[in-house]
Amino acid sequence: MTSVAEVFRAERTNARAARAARAPRVPYTVRAALWLARRLPSWAAIRTLLLSVAGFGLLTAAAWTLHMAAGLAVGGISLLVLEALSGGERR
């Protein structure tokens, strides 16, 4: 027959083992950062995209201030160049 103290000690030992085997909790912000890091492009790619789009946008705005037809022409050329830079394939 087992005593109450032995049962208590056995349960405490089991509880400690269960606590030690449990994986540490990962905060949701860390999980979100890891998820985004796997799916987003590198900073260099984002920087190149932003600078290209901003540069062509400023060129289009400058041409637009000269004349509406010049602005439309530069805007069209900018879109064609951005398409070529993005690696779009012809069908």
Protein backbone atom coordinates (compact mmCIF):
# COMPACT_ATOMS: atom_id res chain seq x y z
CA MET A 1 0.00 0.00 0.00
CA THR A 2 1.35 3.42 -0.95
CA SER A 3 1.21 6.42 1.28
CA VAL A 4 -0.16 9.81 0.40
CA ALA A 5 3.35 11.29 0.50
CA GLU A 6 4.65 8.82 -2.08
CA VAL A 7 1.76 9.52 -4.43
CA PHE A 8 2.29 13.26 -3.96
CA ARG A 9 6.03 12.99 -4.73
CA ALA A 10 5.35 10.84 -7.81
CA GLU A 11 2.84 13.36 -9.17
CA ARG A 12 5.23 16.27 -8.53
CA THR A 13 7.97 14.44 -10.43
CA ASN A 14 5.61 13.78 -13.35
CA ALA A 15 4.53 17.43 -13.40
CA ARG A 16 8.16 18.63 -13.48
CA ALA A 17 8.98 16.26 -16.32
CA ALA A 18 5.96 17.44 -18.31
CA ARG A 19 6.92 21.09 -17.77
CA ALA A 20 10.52 20.48 -18.84
CA ALA A 21 9.46 18.62 -22.00
CA ARG A 22 7.14 21.41 -23.17
CA ALA A 23 8.51 23.66 -25.92
CA PRO A 24 8.95 27.33 -24.99
CA ARG A 25 6.17 29.67 -26.06
CA VAL A 26 6.93 31.81 -29.13
CA PRO A 27 5.25 35.26 -29.13
CA TYR A 28 2.92 36.10 -32.00
CA THR A 29 5.07 39.04 -33.08
CA VAL A 30 8.05 36.73 -33.53
CA ARG A 31 5.90 34.26 -35.46
CA ALA A 32 4.66 37.07 -37.72
CA ALA A 33 8.20 38.35 -38.30
CA LEU A 34 9.42 34.85 -39.23
CA TRP A 35 6.47 34.36 -41.58
CA LEU A 36 7.12 37.70 -43.30
CA ALA A 37 10.86 37.00 -43.54
CA ARG A 38 10.15 33.80 -45.46
CA ARG A 39 7.70 35.42 -47.88
CA LEU A 40 8.92 38.98 -48.54
CA PRO A 41 11.69 39.77 -51.01
CA SER A 42 15.05 41.04 -49.80
CA TRP A 43 15.57 44.66 -48.82
CA ALA A 44 17.74 45.23 -51.91
CA ALA A 45 14.89 44.15 -54.20
CA ILE A 46 12.38 46.36 -52.37
CA ARG A 47 14.77 49.33 -52.47
CA THR A 48 15.36 48.87 -56.21
CA LEU A 49 11.64 48.69 -56.89
CA LEU A 50 10.86 51.81 -54.85
CA LEU A 51 13.67 53.86 -56.39
CA SER A 52 12.76 52.80 -59.93
CA VAL A 53 9.08 53.58 -59.55
CA ALA A 54 9.78 56.90 -57.81
CA GLY A 55 12.35 57.90 -60.44
CA PHE A 56 10.07 57.16 -63.37
CA GLY A 57 7.21 58.89 -61.58
CA LEU A 58 9.26 62.04 -61.10
CA LEU A 59 10.38 62.00 -64.75
CA THR A 60 6.74 61.65 -65.82
CA ALA A 61 5.68 64.51 -63.53
CA ALA A 62 8.44 66.74 -64.91
CA ALA A 63 7.42 65.99 -68.50
CA TRP A 64 3.77 66.56 -67.60
CA THR A 65 4.57 70.09 -66.42
CA LEU A 66 6.10 70.84 -69.85
CA HIS A 67 3.16 69.58 -71.89
CA MET A 68 0.38 67.05 -71.53
CA ALA A 69 1.47 65.06 -74.58
CA ALA A 70 5.05 64.90 -73.28
CA GLY A 71 3.79 63.66 -69.93
CA LEU A 72 1.73 60.93 -71.54
CA ALA A 73 4.64 59.88 -73.74
CA VAL A 74 7.10 59.72 -70.85
CA GLY A 75 4.53 57.88 -68.72
CA GLY A 76 4.07 55.26 -71.43
CA ILE A 77 7.81 54.85 -71.90
CA SER A 78 8.26 54.56 -68.13
CA LEU A 79 5.71 51.77 -67.95
CA LEU A 80 7.36 49.91 -70.81
CA VAL A 81 10.78 50.20 -69.15
CA LEU A 82 9.37 49.04 -65.80
CA GLU A 83 7.79 46.05 -67.52
CA ALA A 84 11.14 45.16 -69.10
CA LEU A 85 12.94 45.57 -65.76
CA SER A 86 10.41 43.41 -63.94
CA GLY A 87 11.29 40.46 -66.16
CA GLY A 88 7.95 40.09 -67.87
CA GLU A 89 7.98 37.52 -70.65
CA ARG A 90 6.35 37.93 -74.03
CA ARG A 91 3.53 35.57 -74.87
